[in-house]
Amino acid sequence: MRVKDCMSNKTIYAGLETNLKDVSKLMQTNDVGIIPICNNEKKVLGVITDRDIIVRGIANSRDMNTTKAHEIMTTGVIKTTPDTDAVDAARTMSCNQIRRLPVIKDEALVGMLTIGDLAKNEDIPYGKVGIALEHICDNTKE
């Protein structure tokens, strides 16, 4: 099974200059906890999670209306491709302790893969997803 068989094809993203209030609204409207930050060609330049907004934004007294996505986004984003084996993608999530991977084709965002997408897919061994989730949640990893 490939990532393209279980990923979400919905491509929700924001631009570098999008303010945190609008990023938060995108999360709320689409019921997601991560927003890729892309250029006009949908190339992923970073991501913002709901946790980033709290920890890097609100906790640091950043103004939600004036702080731009590029000011708090995480760069060096770990990504996958539609043709990657889903178990390999789970391993990538596990090794990097992340629950979501932007899916990239020809350098453009085409979807998102979450640990939930993998867990609900009957063709992926539950043990593989369970091990990945265990490693993702392990606070003792440095």
Protein backbone atom coordinates (compact mmCIF):
# COMPACT_ATOMS: atom_id res chain seq x y z
CA MET A 1 0.00 0.00 0.00
CA ARG A 2 1.23 3.46 -0.94
CA VAL A 3 0.74 6.80 0.79
CA LYS A 4 -1.56 7.92 -2.06
CA ASP A 5 -3.97 5.11 -1.10
CA CYS A 6 -4.59 6.40 2.42
CA MET A 7 -3.67 10.11 2.53
CA SER A 8 -6.05 13.04 2.59
CA ASN A 9 -6.09 14.73 -0.83
CA LYS A 10 -7.32 17.98 0.69
CA THR A 11 -4.63 20.63 0.29
CA ILE A 12 -5.20 23.27 2.93
CA TYR A 13 -2.32 25.70 3.24
CA ALA A 14 -1.44 29.30 4.01
CA GLY A 15 1.15 31.74 2.72
CA LEU A 16 4.18 33.19 4.47
CA GLU A 17 2.40 36.48 5.17
CA THR A 18 -0.82 34.94 6.54
CA ASN A 19 -1.42 36.17 10.08
CA LEU A 20 -1.84 33.71 12.98
CA LYS A 21 -5.52 34.54 13.40
CA ASP A 22 -6.20 33.44 9.82
CA VAL A 23 -4.04 30.32 10.23
CA SER A 24 -6.07 29.47 13.35
CA LYS A 25 -9.32 30.02 11.44
CA LEU A 26 -8.12 27.63 8.71
CA MET A 27 -7.45 25.02 11.40
CA GLN A 28 -10.87 25.55 12.95
CA THR A 29 -12.79 25.53 9.67
CA ASN A 30 -11.07 22.39 8.40
CA ASP A 31 -10.75 20.61 11.78
CA VAL A 32 -6.98 20.15 11.43
CA GLY A 33 -4.04 20.73 13.75
CA ILE A 34 -1.42 21.59 11.13
CA ILE A 35 -1.24 24.04 8.25
CA PRO A 36 1.54 23.83 5.68
CA ILE A 37 3.01 27.22 4.78
CA CYS A 38 3.56 27.36 1.02
CA ASN A 39 4.65 29.70 -1.74
CA ASN A 40 2.45 30.42 -4.79
CA GLU A 41 3.53 27.14 -6.42
CA LYS A 42 2.37 25.18 -3.33
CA LYS A 43 5.98 24.38 -2.37
CA VAL A 44 6.05 23.67 1.37
CA LEU A 45 8.36 26.14 3.12
CA GLY A 46 7.28 25.30 6.66
CA VAL A 47 4.38 24.21 8.83
CA ILE A 48 2.46 25.63 11.75
CA THR A 49 0.74 23.37 14.27
CA ASP A 50 -1.88 24.31 16.82
CA ARG A 51 0.84 23.79 19.43
CA ASP A 52 3.15 26.24 17.60
CA ILE A 53 0.47 28.91 17.82
CA ILE A 54 0.20 28.39 21.58
CA VAL A 55 3.91 27.95 22.40
CA ARG A 56 5.54 30.33 19.92
CA GLY A 57 2.67 32.74 19.53
CA ILE A 58 0.33 33.23 22.46
CA ALA A 59 2.80 32.21 25.19
CA ASN A 60 5.23 34.82 23.83
CA SER A 61 2.51 37.51 23.74
CA ARG A 62 2.54 37.63 19.92
CA ASP A 63 -0.35 39.54 18.37
CA MET A 64 -2.52 37.09 16.43
CA ASN A 65 -3.51 39.80 13.93
CA THR A 66 -0.02 41.05 13.09
CA THR A 67 2.27 38.05 13.58
CA LYS A 68 2.90 36.36 10.24
CA ALA A 69 3.17 32.63 9.58
CA HIS A 70 6.85 32.86 8.60
CA GLU A 71 7.66 34.31 12.05
CA ILE A 72 6.73 31.15 13.99
CA MET A 73 6.62 28.34 11.43
CA THR A 74 8.74 25.23 11.71
CA THR A 75 11.16 24.87 8.81
CA GLY A 76 13.08 21.79 7.69
CA VAL A 77 9.77 19.98 7.24
CA ILE A 78 9.88 16.22 6.93
CA LYS A 79 7.76 15.19 3.94
CA THR A 80 6.74 12.13 1.96
CA THR A 81 5.56 11.36 -1.56
CA PRO A 82 2.38 9.71 -2.84
CA ASP A 83 4.36 6.66 -4.03
CA THR A 84 6.13 6.02 -0.71
CA ASP A 85 5.20 2.73 0.96
CA ALA A 86 2.75 3.52 3.78
CA VAL A 87 4.72 1.41 6.28
CA ASP A 88 7.85 3.38 5.38
CA ALA A 89 5.92 6.61 5.99
CA ALA A 90 4.85 5.26 9.40
CA ARG A 91 8.50 4.51 10.13
CA THR A 92 9.44 8.08 9.16
CA MET A 93 6.78 9.41 11.55
CA SER A 94 8.06 7.11 14.28
CA CYS A 95 11.73 8.01 13.88
CA ASN A 96 10.97 11.74 13.83
CA GLN A 97 8.21 11.69 16.47
CA ILE A 98 5.67 13.40 14.21
CA ARG A 99 2.03 12.57 13.56
CA ARG A 100 1.57 14.28 10.21
CA LEU A 101 3.48 14.38 6.94
CA PRO A 102 2.88 16.74 4.04
CA VAL A 103 2.68 14.74 0.81
CA ILE A 104 4.69 16.28 -2.03
CA LYS A 105 4.70 15.55 -5.75
CA ASP A 106 6.85 17.53 -8.18
CA GLU A 107 7.76 19.86 -5.28
CA ALA A 108 4.10 20.82 -4.68
CA LEU A 109 1.77 19.94 -1.82
CA VAL A 110 -0.78 17.32 -2.91
CA GLY A 111 -2.11 16.14 0.45
CA MET A 112 -1.42 15.23 4.05
CA LEU A 113 -0.82 11.88 5.71
CA THR A 114 -1.63 11.48 9.41
CA ILE A 115 -1.08 8.68 11.88
CA GLY A 116 -4.90 8.50 11.97
CA ASP A 117 -5.02 7.86 8.20
CA LEU A 118 -2.67 4.93 8.72
CA ALA A 119 -4.52 3.60 11.78
CA LYS A 120 -7.91 3.45 10.07
CA ASN A 121 -6.57 1.70 6.99
CA GLU A 122 -7.23 -2.04 7.18
CA ASP A 123 -4.43 -2.91 4.74
CA ILE A 124 -1.72 -1.62 7.08
CA PRO A 125 -0.80 -3.96 9.93
CA TYR A 126 -2.11 -2.45 13.18
CA GLY A 127 1.11 -3.42 14.93
CA LYS A 128 3.13 -1.20 12.60
CA VAL A 129 0.92 1.80 13.36
CA GLY A 130 0.93 1.00 17.08
CA ILE A 131 4.72 0.88 17.19
CA ALA A 132 4.92 4.17 15.29
CA LEU A 133 2.46 5.81 17.68
CA GLU A 134 4.36 4.47 20.68
CA HIS A 135 7.60 6.03 19.41
CA ILE A 136 5.89 9.29 18.48
CA CYS A 137 4.57 9.64 22.04
CA ASP A 138 7.83 8.59 23.77
CA ASN A 139 9.02 11.61 25.78
CA THR A 140 12.32 9.97 26.64
CA LYS A 141 13.73 10.23 23.10
CA GLU A 142 16.22 13.03 22.63
